Amino acid sequence: MLKVEAFQVAEQVNVKKFRSEFTSKPFFGSNFELFYAQENDQYLHIFNYGVVVFAGYGDVEKSAFIR
């Protein structure tokens, strides 16, 4: 079973900028959200209202990503 956690990391996330700077290609994307499915059963969902959802990520990986 995957552990899923959501964090409010900002009031807003520039989804277009994030998409251009993040190295992986999104599984799904729009002007409001991005969803990434990684090969190692890790999933990342970014919302333009500042929420990031992690599934299958360890604490160290989440902390590194949020910084």
PDB file of N, CA and C in Angstrom:
ATOM      1  N   MET A   1       0.835  -1.169   0.000  1.00  0.00           N
ATOM      2  CA  MET A   1       0.000   0.000   0.000  1.00  0.00           C
ATOM      3  C   MET A   1       0.889   1.244   0.000  1.00  0.00           C
ATOM      4  N   LEU A   2       0.523   2.234  -0.809  1.00  0.00           N
ATOM      5  CA  LEU A   2       1.280   3.478  -0.897  1.00  0.00           C
ATOM      6  C   LEU A   2       0.828   4.472   0.166  1.00  0.00           C
ATOM      7  N   LYS A   3       1.796   5.143   0.734  1.00  0.00           N
ATOM      8  CA  LYS A   3       1.500   6.219   1.676  1.00  0.00           C
ATOM      9  C   LYS A   3       1.301   7.494   0.870  1.00  0.00           C
ATOM     10  N   VAL A   4       0.184   8.169   1.086  1.00  0.00           N
ATOM     11  CA  VAL A   4      -0.138   9.393   0.358  1.00  0.00           C
ATOM     12  C   VAL A   4      -0.197  10.545   1.351  1.00  0.00           C
ATOM     13  N   GLU A   5       0.538  11.629   1.038  1.00  0.00           N
ATOM     14  CA  GLU A   5       0.538  12.818   1.884  1.00  0.00           C
ATOM     15  C   GLU A   5       0.438  14.057   1.015  1.00  0.00           C
ATOM     16  N   ALA A   6      -0.306  15.043   1.498  1.00  0.00           N
ATOM     17  CA  ALA A   6      -0.450  16.312   0.788  1.00  0.00           C
ATOM     18  C   ALA A   6       0.066  17.439   1.666  1.00  0.00           C
ATOM     19  N   PHE A   7       0.710  18.409   1.033  1.00  0.00           N
ATOM     20  CA  PHE A   7       1.269  19.559   1.737  1.00  0.00           C
ATOM     21  C   PHE A   7       0.883  20.840   1.009  1.00  0.00           C
ATOM     22  N   GLN A   8       0.512  21.845   1.778  1.00  0.00           N
ATOM     23  CA  GLN A   8       0.318  23.191   1.222  1.00  0.00           C
ATOM     24  C   GLN A   8       1.679  23.861   1.286  1.00  0.00           C
ATOM     25  N   VAL A   9       2.345  24.010   0.151  1.00  0.00           N
ATOM     26  CA  VAL A   9       3.717  24.525   0.121  1.00  0.00           C
ATOM     27  C   VAL A   9       3.789  26.001  -0.255  1.00  0.00           C
ATOM     28  N   ALA A  10       2.708  26.538  -0.797  1.00  0.00           N
ATOM     29  CA  ALA A  10       2.675  27.942  -1.206  1.00  0.00           C
ATOM     30  C   ALA A  10       1.218  28.342  -1.432  1.00  0.00           C
ATOM     31  N   GLU A  11       0.992  29.631  -1.597  1.00  0.00           N
ATOM     32  CA  GLU A  11      -0.358  30.072  -1.943  1.00  0.00           C
ATOM     33  C   GLU A  11      -0.664  29.773  -3.400  1.00  0.00           C
ATOM     34  N   GLN A  12       0.393  29.742  -4.208  1.00  0.00           N
ATOM     35  CA  GLN A  12       0.240  29.478  -5.629  1.00  0.00           C
ATOM     36  C   GLN A  12       1.497  28.825  -6.177  1.00  0.00           C
ATOM     37  N   VAL A  13       1.326  27.945  -7.149  1.00  0.00           N
ATOM     38  CA  VAL A  13       2.453  27.333  -7.857  1.00  0.00           C
ATOM     39  C   VAL A  13       2.283  27.673  -9.338  1.00  0.00           C
ATOM     40  N   ASN A  14       3.347  28.145  -9.945  1.00  0.00           N
ATOM     41  CA  ASN A  14       3.333  28.429 -11.377  1.00  0.00           C
ATOM     42  C   ASN A  14       3.523  27.094 -12.104  1.00  0.00           C
ATOM     43  N   VAL A  15       2.426  26.489 -12.501  1.00  0.00           N
ATOM     44  CA  VAL A  15       2.439  25.152 -13.100  1.00  0.00           C
ATOM     45  C   VAL A  15       3.235  25.142 -14.406  1.00  0.00           C
ATOM     46  N   LYS A  16       3.076  26.160 -15.211  1.00  0.00           N
ATOM     47  CA  LYS A  16       3.797  26.223 -16.489  1.00  0.00           C
ATOM     48  C   LYS A  16       5.308  26.264 -16.257  1.00  0.00           C
ATOM     49  N   LYS A  17       5.750  27.063 -15.300  1.00  0.00           N
ATOM     50  CA  LYS A  17       7.181  27.154 -14.986  1.00  0.00           C
ATOM     51  C   LYS A  17       7.689  25.833 -14.407  1.00  0.00           C
ATOM     52  N   PHE A  18       6.914  25.240 -13.488  1.00  0.00           N
ATOM     53  CA  PHE A  18       7.311  23.965 -12.894  1.00  0.00           C
ATOM     54  C   PHE A  18       7.485  22.910 -13.978  1.00  0.00           C
ATOM     55  N   ARG A  19       6.531  22.844 -14.883  1.00  0.00           N
ATOM     56  CA  ARG A  19       6.573  21.845 -15.960  1.00  0.00           C
ATOM     57  C   ARG A  19       7.834  21.993 -16.814  1.00  0.00           C
ATOM     58  N   SER A  20       8.234  23.231 -17.080  1.00  0.00           N
ATOM     59  CA  SER A  20       9.409  23.456 -17.926  1.00  0.00           C
ATOM     60  C   SER A  20      10.719  23.149 -17.201  1.00  0.00           C
ATOM     61  N   GLU A  21      10.721  23.245 -15.864  1.00  0.00           N
ATOM     62  CA  GLU A  21      11.952  23.034 -15.100  1.00  0.00           C
ATOM     63  C   GLU A  21      12.108  21.621 -14.543  1.00  0.00           C
ATOM     64  N   PHE A  22      11.013  20.889 -14.379  1.00  0.00           N
ATOM     65  CA  PHE A  22      11.080  19.538 -13.828  1.00  0.00           C
ATOM     66  C   PHE A  22      11.527  18.582 -14.927  1.00  0.00           C
ATOM     67  N   THR A  23      12.409  17.650 -14.588  1.00  0.00           N
ATOM     68  CA  THR A  23      13.040  16.807 -15.611  1.00  0.00           C
ATOM     69  C   THR A  23      12.129  15.722 -16.185  1.00  0.00           C
ATOM     70  N   SER A  24      11.159  15.253 -15.443  1.00  0.00           N
ATOM     71  CA  SER A  24      10.267  14.193 -15.936  1.00  0.00           C
ATOM     72  C   SER A  24       9.122  14.781 -16.757  1.00  0.00           C
ATOM     73  N   LYS A  25       8.606  13.959 -17.650  1.00  0.00           N
ATOM     74  CA  LYS A  25       7.444  14.357 -18.440  1.00  0.00           C
ATOM     75  C   LYS A  25       6.180  13.990 -17.662  1.00  0.00           C
ATOM     76  N   PRO A  26       5.213  14.904 -17.558  1.00  0.00           N
ATOM     77  CA  PRO A  26       4.003  14.579 -16.800  1.00  0.00           C
ATOM     78  C   PRO A  26       3.147  13.526 -17.501  1.00  0.00           C
ATOM     79  N   PHE A  27       2.506  12.693 -16.694  1.00  0.00           N
ATOM     80  CA  PHE A  27       1.545  11.717 -17.200  1.00  0.00           C
ATOM     81  C   PHE A  27       0.280  12.450 -17.647  1.00  0.00           C
ATOM     82  N   PHE A  28      -0.060  13.490 -16.877  1.00  0.00           N
ATOM     83  CA  PHE A  28      -1.204  14.343 -17.186  1.00  0.00           C
ATOM     84  C   PHE A  28      -0.853  15.765 -16.801  1.00  0.00           C
ATOM     85  N   GLY A  29      -1.306  16.717 -17.582  1.00  0.00           N
ATOM     86  CA  GLY A  29      -1.046  18.104 -17.242  1.00  0.00           C
ATOM     87  C   GLY A  29      -2.083  19.035 -17.827  1.00  0.00           C
ATOM     88  N   SER A  30      -2.342  20.113 -17.100  1.00  0.00           N
ATOM     89  CA  SER A  30      -3.224  21.174 -17.571  1.00  0.00           C
ATOM     90  C   SER A  30      -2.684  22.491 -17.026  1.00  0.00           C
ATOM     91  N   ASN A  31      -3.420  23.563 -17.212  1.00  0.00           N
ATOM     92  CA  ASN A  31      -3.002  24.854 -16.666  1.00  0.00           C
ATOM     93  C   ASN A  31      -3.141  24.908 -15.151  1.00  0.00           C
ATOM     94  N   PHE A  32      -3.853  23.955 -14.562  1.00  0.00           N
ATOM     95  CA  PHE A  32      -4.157  23.969 -13.141  1.00  0.00           C
ATOM     96  C   PHE A  32      -3.433  22.901 -12.329  1.00  0.00           C
ATOM     97  N   GLU A  33      -2.975  21.846 -12.992  1.00  0.00           N
ATOM     98  CA  GLU A  33      -2.360  20.745 -12.258  1.00  0.00           C
ATOM     99  C   GLU A  33      -1.425  19.936 -13.151  1.00  0.00           C
ATOM    100  N   LEU A  34      -0.513  19.224 -12.492  1.00  0.00           N
ATOM    101  CA  LEU A  34       0.399  18.299 -13.162  1.00  0.00           C
ATOM    102  C   LEU A  34       0.424  17.008 -12.365  1.00  0.00           C
ATOM    103  N   PHE A  35       0.425  15.881 -13.065  1.00  0.00           N
ATOM    104  CA  PHE A  35       0.497  14.578 -12.409  1.00  0.00           C
ATOM    105  C   PHE A  35       1.643  13.799 -13.027  1.00  0.00           C
ATOM    106  N   TYR A  36       2.560  13.347 -12.174  1.00  0.00           N
ATOM    107  CA  TYR A  36       3.722  12.579 -12.618  1.00  0.00           C
ATOM    108  C   TYR A  36       3.642  11.172 -12.044  1.00  0.00           C
ATOM    109  N   ALA A  37       3.845  10.169 -12.885  1.00  0.00           N
ATOM    110  CA  ALA A  37       3.926   8.770 -12.466  1.00  0.00           C
ATOM    111  C   ALA A  37       5.356   8.316 -12.737  1.00  0.00           C
ATOM    112  N   GLN A  38       6.105   8.055 -11.673  1.00  0.00           N
ATOM    113  CA  GLN A  38       7.499   7.635 -11.798  1.00  0.00           C
ATOM    114  C   GLN A  38       7.563   6.112 -11.932  1.00  0.00           C
ATOM    115  N   GLU A  39       8.675   5.605 -12.422  1.00  0.00           N
ATOM    116  CA  GLU A  39       8.834   4.163 -12.654  1.00  0.00           C
ATOM    117  C   GLU A  39       8.830   3.335 -11.374  1.00  0.00           C
ATOM    118  N   ASN A  40       9.211   3.903 -10.264  1.00  0.00           N
ATOM    119  CA  ASN A  40       9.360   3.144  -9.015  1.00  0.00           C
ATOM    120  C   ASN A  40       8.148   3.299  -8.101  1.00  0.00           C
ATOM    121  N   ASP A  41       6.945   3.299  -8.670  1.00  0.00           N
ATOM    122  CA  ASP A  41       5.690   3.422  -7.919  1.00  0.00           C
ATOM    123  C   ASP A  41       5.644   4.674  -7.052  1.00  0.00           C
ATOM    124  N   GLN A  42       6.142   5.761  -7.583  1.00  0.00           N
ATOM    125  CA  GLN A  42       6.038   7.057  -6.921  1.00  0.00           C
ATOM    126  C   GLN A  42       5.195   7.965  -7.808  1.00  0.00           C
ATOM    127  N   TYR A  43       4.318   8.698  -7.153  1.00  0.00           N
ATOM    128  CA  TYR A  43       3.415   9.582  -7.876  1.00  0.00           C
ATOM    129  C   TYR A  43       3.462  10.965  -7.245  1.00  0.00           C
ATOM    130  N   LEU A  44       3.388  11.978  -8.093  1.00  0.00           N
ATOM    131  CA  LEU A  44       3.486  13.357  -7.652  1.00  0.00           C
ATOM    132  C   LEU A  44       2.390  14.147  -8.350  1.00  0.00           C
ATOM    133  N   HIS A  45       1.614  14.882  -7.559  1.00  0.00           N
ATOM    134  CA  HIS A  45       0.526  15.682  -8.108  1.00  0.00           C
ATOM    135  C   HIS A  45       0.709  17.111  -7.614  1.00  0.00           C
ATOM    136  N   ILE A  46       0.849  18.049  -8.538  1.00  0.00           N
ATOM    137  CA  ILE A  46       1.073  19.458  -8.226  1.00  0.00           C
ATOM    138  C   ILE A  46      -0.174  20.240  -8.640  1.00  0.00           C
ATOM    139  N   PHE A  47      -0.678  21.066  -7.732  1.00  0.00           N
ATOM    140  CA  PHE A  47      -1.841  21.896  -8.034  1.00  0.00           C
ATOM    141  C   PHE A  47      -1.450  23.368  -8.017  1.00  0.00           C
ATOM    142  N   ASN A  48      -2.066  24.159  -8.883  1.00  0.00           N
ATOM    143  CA  ASN A  48      -1.700  25.570  -8.979  1.00  0.00           C
ATOM    144  C   ASN A  48      -2.068  26.363  -7.727  1.00  0.00           C
ATOM    145  N   TYR A  49      -2.910  25.832  -6.857  1.00  0.00           N
ATOM    146  CA  TYR A  49      -3.257  26.536  -5.622  1.00  0.00           C
ATOM    147  C   TYR A  49      -2.303  26.207  -4.473  1.00  0.00           C
ATOM    148  N   GLY A  50      -1.136  25.630  -4.795  1.00  0.00           N
ATOM    149  CA  GLY A  50      -0.068  25.473  -3.822  1.00  0.00           C
ATOM    150  C   GLY A  50       0.029  24.146  -3.110  1.00  0.00           C
ATOM    151  N   VAL A  51      -0.750  23.164  -3.523  1.00  0.00           N
ATOM    152  CA  VAL A  51      -0.723  21.855  -2.874  1.00  0.00           C
ATOM    153  C   VAL A  51       0.107  20.881  -3.705  1.00  0.00           C
ATOM    154  N   VAL A  52       0.935  20.109  -2.997  1.00  0.00           N
ATOM    155  CA  VAL A  52       1.723  19.044  -3.612  1.00  0.00           C
ATOM    156  C   VAL A  52       1.339  17.745  -2.918  1.00  0.00           C
ATOM    157  N   VAL A  53       1.003  16.726  -3.694  1.00  0.00           N
ATOM    158  CA  VAL A  53       0.614  15.424  -3.152  1.00  0.00           C
ATOM    159  C   VAL A  53       1.685  14.411  -3.535  1.00  0.00           C
ATOM    160  N   PHE A  54       2.181  13.699  -2.531  1.00  0.00           N
ATOM    161  CA  PHE A  54       3.194  12.664  -2.731  1.00  0.00           C
ATOM    162  C   PHE A  54       2.574  11.298  -2.451  1.00  0.00           C
ATOM    163  N   ALA A  55       2.856  10.326  -3.290  1.00  0.00           N
ATOM    164  CA  ALA A  55       2.453   8.941  -3.044  1.00  0.00           C
ATOM    165  C   ALA A  55       3.670   8.064  -3.294  1.00  0.00           C
ATOM    166  N   GLY A  56       4.053   7.296  -2.280  1.00  0.00           N
ATOM    167  CA  GLY A  56       5.186   6.390  -2.416  1.00  0.00           C
ATOM    168  C   GLY A  56       6.538   7.036  -2.192  1.00  0.00           C
ATOM    169  N   TYR A  57       6.580   8.267  -1.735  1.00  0.00           N
ATOM    170  CA  TYR A  57       7.842   8.970  -1.479  1.00  0.00           C
ATOM    171  C   TYR A  57       8.244   8.813  -0.021  1.00  0.00           C
ATOM    172  N   GLY A  58       9.545   8.695   0.226  1.00  0.00           N
ATOM    173  CA  GLY A  58      10.078   8.665   1.579  1.00  0.00           C
ATOM    174  C   GLY A  58      10.187  10.076   2.142  1.00  0.00           C
ATOM    175  N   ASP A  59      10.389  10.164   3.449  1.00  0.00           N
ATOM    176  CA  ASP A  59      10.466  11.468   4.110  1.00  0.00           C
ATOM    177  C   ASP A  59      11.603  12.329   3.573  1.00  0.00           C
ATOM    178  N   VAL A  60      12.747  11.726   3.329  1.00  0.00           N
ATOM    179  CA  VAL A  60      13.906  12.476   2.825  1.00  0.00           C
ATOM    180  C   VAL A  60      13.616  13.010   1.423  1.00  0.00           C
ATOM    181  N   GLU A  61      13.017  12.186   0.588  1.00  0.00           N
ATOM    182  CA  GLU A  61      12.688  12.607  -0.780  1.00  0.00           C
ATOM    183  C   GLU A  61      11.679  13.756  -0.783  1.00  0.00           C
ATOM    184  N   LYS A  62      10.680  13.665   0.083  1.00  0.00           N
ATOM    185  CA  LYS A  62       9.681  14.738   0.169  1.00  0.00           C
ATOM    186  C   LYS A  62      10.322  16.035   0.638  1.00  0.00           C
ATOM    187  N   SER A  63      11.143  15.950   1.667  1.00  0.00           N
ATOM    188  CA  SER A  63      11.816  17.146   2.190  1.00  0.00           C
ATOM    189  C   SER A  63      12.699  17.793   1.133  1.00  0.00           C
ATOM    190  N   ALA A  64      13.446  16.987   0.404  1.00  0.00           N
ATOM    191  CA  ALA A  64      14.326  17.511  -0.640  1.00  0.00           C
ATOM    192  C   ALA A  64      13.513  18.175  -1.750  1.00  0.00           C
ATOM    193  N   PHE A  65      12.388  17.604  -2.092  1.00  0.00           N
ATOM    194  CA  PHE A  65      11.560  18.158  -3.152  1.00  0.00           C
ATOM    195  C   PHE A  65      10.948  19.496  -2.738  1.00  0.00           C
ATOM    196  N   ILE A  66      10.473  19.580  -1.518  1.00  0.00           N
ATOM    197  CA  ILE A  66       9.807  20.791  -1.043  1.00  0.00           C
ATOM    198  C   ILE A  66      10.779  21.957  -0.937  1.00  0.00           C
ATOM    199  N   ARG A  67      12.019  21.686  -0.630  1.00  0.00           N
ATOM    200  CA  ARG A  67      13.014  22.766  -0.526  1.00  0.00           C
ATOM    201  C   ARG A  67      13.233  23.338  -1.867  1.00  0.00           C
TER     202      ARG A  67
END
